C-alpha cells in the first residue's frame, strides 16, 4: 500500500477533492480563481467537439490521476462529469455493445 493511500484511507479521488460533492460538482468549481469559466459549456458544443473533448480527457486521465496537483485533478473530474453528463443527455438510447454485457 502506498503512503498516500495510507494517509487518506480508502478514499477515492472524488472523496478527497474539496470541490467534489458526491454525485455532482459544486457550482463554484466551474470558476477559476479569477472568476473565469473553466471550459466551454458542454451544451454549446457540437457533437464532434463534445466527443473530441471527452477523448482528450480520457487520454490524459491516468497521468492526471497519478501526477497532477489536487486542484488539477478536481478540475479534470469536474470537466469529465460535465462532458459525460451532456453526452448521456444527448444520447439516452446509446447503442450498447452486446459483447460488453455480463451474463446474469
C-alpha atoms as a PDB file:
ATOM      1  CA  UNK A   1       0.000   0.000   0.000  1.00  0.00           C
ATOM      2  CA  UNK A   2       1.403   3.401  -0.888  1.00  0.00           C
ATOM      3  CA  UNK A   3       1.976   6.187   1.609  1.00  0.00           C
ATOM      4  CA  UNK A   4      -0.701   8.411   0.023  1.00  0.00           C
ATOM      5  CA  UNK A   5      -3.323   5.673   0.324  1.00  0.00           C
ATOM      6  CA  UNK A   6      -2.410   5.143   3.972  1.00  0.00           C
ATOM      7  CA  UNK A   7      -2.693   8.873   4.660  1.00  0.00           C
ATOM      8  CA  UNK A   8      -6.116   9.226   3.056  1.00  0.00           C
ATOM      9  CA  UNK A   9      -7.520   5.797   3.867  1.00  0.00           C
ATOM     10  CA  UNK A  10      -9.550   4.172   1.136  1.00  0.00           C
ATOM     11  CA  UNK A  11     -10.977   7.454  -0.124  1.00  0.00           C
ATOM     12  CA  UNK A  12     -11.467   7.763  -3.862  1.00  0.00           C
ATOM     13  CA  UNK A  13     -10.091  10.813  -5.724  1.00  0.00           C
ATOM     14  CA  UNK A  14     -13.602  12.253  -5.765  1.00  0.00           C
ATOM     15  CA  UNK A  15     -13.884  11.933  -1.983  1.00  0.00           C
ATOM     16  CA  UNK A  16     -10.516  13.628  -1.453  1.00  0.00           C
ATOM     17  CA  UNK A  17     -11.260  16.607  -3.693  1.00  0.00           C
ATOM     18  CA  UNK A  18     -12.756  19.555  -1.794  1.00  0.00           C
ATOM     19  CA  UNK A  19     -14.530  20.771  -4.947  1.00  0.00           C
ATOM     20  CA  UNK A  20     -16.282  17.423  -5.443  1.00  0.00           C
ATOM     21  CA  UNK A  21     -19.552  16.850  -3.596  1.00  0.00           C
ATOM     22  CA  UNK A  22     -20.758  13.281  -4.042  1.00  0.00           C
ATOM     23  CA  UNK A  23     -22.512  12.704  -7.333  1.00  0.00           C
ATOM     24  CA  UNK A  24     -22.215  16.263  -8.542  1.00  0.00           C
ATOM     25  CA  UNK A  25     -19.764  19.119  -8.634  1.00  0.00           C
ATOM     26  CA  UNK A  26     -20.382  22.316  -6.716  1.00  0.00           C
ATOM     27  CA  UNK A  27     -21.119  25.319  -8.926  1.00  0.00           C
ATOM     28  CA  UNK A  28     -18.065  27.185  -7.635  1.00  0.00           C
ATOM     29  CA  UNK A  29     -15.780  24.504  -9.081  1.00  0.00           C
ATOM     30  CA  UNK A  30     -16.699  25.694 -12.583  1.00  0.00           C
ATOM     31  CA  UNK A  31     -14.975  29.028 -11.970  1.00  0.00           C
ATOM     32  CA  UNK A  32     -11.240  29.588 -11.517  1.00  0.00           C
ATOM     33  CA  UNK A  33      -9.559  31.927  -9.049  1.00  0.00           C
ATOM     34  CA  UNK A  34     -10.021  34.933 -11.362  1.00  0.00           C
ATOM     35  CA  UNK A  35     -13.739  34.213 -11.764  1.00  0.00           C
ATOM     36  CA  UNK A  36     -13.364  32.884 -15.307  1.00  0.00           C
ATOM     37  CA  UNK A  37     -15.246  29.829 -16.525  1.00  0.00           C
ATOM     38  CA  UNK A  38     -13.149  26.695 -16.947  1.00  0.00           C
ATOM     39  CA  UNK A  39     -14.065  25.381 -20.386  1.00  0.00           C
ATOM     40  CA  UNK A  40     -16.900  25.887 -22.816  1.00  0.00           C
ATOM     41  CA  UNK A  41     -20.358  24.938 -21.582  1.00  0.00           C
ATOM     42  CA  UNK A  42     -20.843  21.387 -22.932  1.00  0.00           C
ATOM     43  CA  UNK A  43     -24.371  22.230 -24.119  1.00  0.00           C
ATOM     44  CA  UNK A  44     -22.809  24.756 -26.524  1.00  0.00           C
ATOM     45  CA  UNK A  45     -20.514  22.153 -28.138  1.00  0.00           C
ATOM     46  CA  UNK A  46     -21.452  20.327 -31.305  1.00  0.00           C
ATOM     47  CA  UNK A  47     -21.400  16.520 -31.204  1.00  0.00           C
ATOM     48  CA  UNK A  48     -17.937  16.277 -32.809  1.00  0.00           C
ATOM     49  CA  UNK A  49     -16.460  18.813 -30.393  1.00  0.00           C
ATOM     50  CA  UNK A  50     -18.069  17.078 -27.419  1.00  0.00           C
ATOM     51  CA  UNK A  51     -16.564  13.733 -28.459  1.00  0.00           C
ATOM     52  CA  UNK A  52     -13.166  15.345 -29.102  1.00  0.00           C
ATOM     53  CA  UNK A  53     -13.168  16.947 -25.640  1.00  0.00           C
ATOM     54  CA  UNK A  54     -14.088  13.644 -23.982  1.00  0.00           C
ATOM     55  CA  UNK A  55     -11.366  11.808 -25.914  1.00  0.00           C
ATOM     56  CA  UNK A  56      -8.812  14.374 -24.773  1.00  0.00           C
ATOM     57  CA  UNK A  57      -9.809  13.981 -21.120  1.00  0.00           C
ATOM     58  CA  UNK A  58      -9.741  10.200 -21.281  1.00  0.00           C
ATOM     59  CA  UNK A  59      -6.348  10.268 -22.995  1.00  0.00           C
ATOM     60  CA  UNK A  60      -4.874  12.315 -20.125  1.00  0.00           C
ATOM     61  CA  UNK A  61      -6.777  10.611 -17.285  1.00  0.00           C
ATOM     62  CA  UNK A  62      -4.086   8.332 -15.868  1.00  0.00           C
ATOM     63  CA  UNK A  63      -1.378  10.976 -15.976  1.00  0.00           C
ATOM     64  CA  UNK A  64      -3.673  13.469 -14.239  1.00  0.00           C
ATOM     65  CA  UNK A  65      -4.700  10.935 -11.605  1.00  0.00           C
ATOM     66  CA  UNK A  66      -1.120   9.903 -10.856  1.00  0.00           C
ATOM     67  CA  UNK A  67       0.804  13.148 -11.133  1.00  0.00           C
ATOM     68  CA  UNK A  68      -1.352  16.289 -11.158  1.00  0.00           C
ATOM     69  CA  UNK A  69      -1.983  18.616  -8.257  1.00  0.00           C
ATOM     70  CA  UNK A  70      -5.244  18.124  -6.358  1.00  0.00           C
ATOM     71  CA  UNK A  71      -6.730  21.231  -7.975  1.00  0.00           C
ATOM     72  CA  UNK A  72      -5.920  19.910 -11.465  1.00  0.00           C
ATOM     73  CA  UNK A  73      -7.430  16.521 -10.636  1.00  0.00           C
ATOM     74  CA  UNK A  74     -10.547  18.227  -9.261  1.00  0.00           C
ATOM     75  CA  UNK A  75     -10.858  20.248 -12.476  1.00  0.00           C
ATOM     76  CA  UNK A  76     -10.368  17.078 -14.542  1.00  0.00           C
ATOM     77  CA  UNK A  77     -13.107  15.280 -12.570  1.00  0.00           C
ATOM     78  CA  UNK A  78     -15.460  18.257 -12.898  1.00  0.00           C
ATOM     79  CA  UNK A  79     -14.937  18.611 -16.630  1.00  0.00           C
ATOM     80  CA  UNK A  80     -15.276  14.882 -17.250  1.00  0.00           C
ATOM     81  CA  UNK A  81     -18.563  14.846 -15.331  1.00  0.00           C
ATOM     82  CA  UNK A  82     -19.867  17.858 -17.276  1.00  0.00           C
ATOM     83  CA  UNK A  83     -18.999  16.414 -20.682  1.00  0.00           C
ATOM     84  CA  UNK A  84     -20.186  12.875 -19.967  1.00  0.00           C
ATOM     85  CA  UNK A  85     -23.441  14.138 -18.463  1.00  0.00           C
ATOM     86  CA  UNK A  86     -24.058  16.182 -21.616  1.00  0.00           C
ATOM     87  CA  UNK A  87     -23.252  13.175 -23.823  1.00  0.00           C
ATOM     88  CA  UNK A  88     -25.693  10.944 -21.925  1.00  0.00           C
ATOM     89  CA  UNK A  89     -28.386  13.633 -22.088  1.00  0.00           C
ATOM     90  CA  UNK A  90     -27.993  13.780 -25.867  1.00  0.00           C
ATOM     91  CA  UNK A  91     -27.805  10.011 -26.328  1.00  0.00           C
ATOM     92  CA  UNK A  92     -30.061   8.369 -23.717  1.00  0.00           C
ATOM     93  CA  UNK A  93     -30.643   5.389 -26.008  1.00  0.00           C
ATOM     94  CA  UNK A  94     -26.990   4.981 -26.911  1.00  0.00           C
ATOM     95  CA  UNK A  95     -26.008   1.751 -28.611  1.00  0.00           C
ATOM     96  CA  UNK A  96     -24.769  -0.854 -26.150  1.00  0.00           C
ATOM     97  CA  UNK A  97     -22.317  -3.423 -27.486  1.00  0.00           C
ATOM     98  CA  UNK A  98     -23.686  -6.883 -26.516  1.00  0.00           C
ATOM     99  CA  UNK A  99     -20.135  -8.162 -26.068  1.00  0.00           C
ATOM    100  CA  UNK A 100     -19.740  -5.675 -23.191  1.00  0.00           C
ATOM    101  CA  UNK A 101     -22.637  -7.187 -21.213  1.00  0.00           C
ATOM    102  CA  UNK A 102     -22.220  -9.719 -18.457  1.00  0.00           C
ATOM    103  CA  UNK A 103     -24.315 -12.835 -18.118  1.00  0.00           C
ATOM    104  CA  UNK A 104     -26.694 -12.533 -15.174  1.00  0.00           C
END
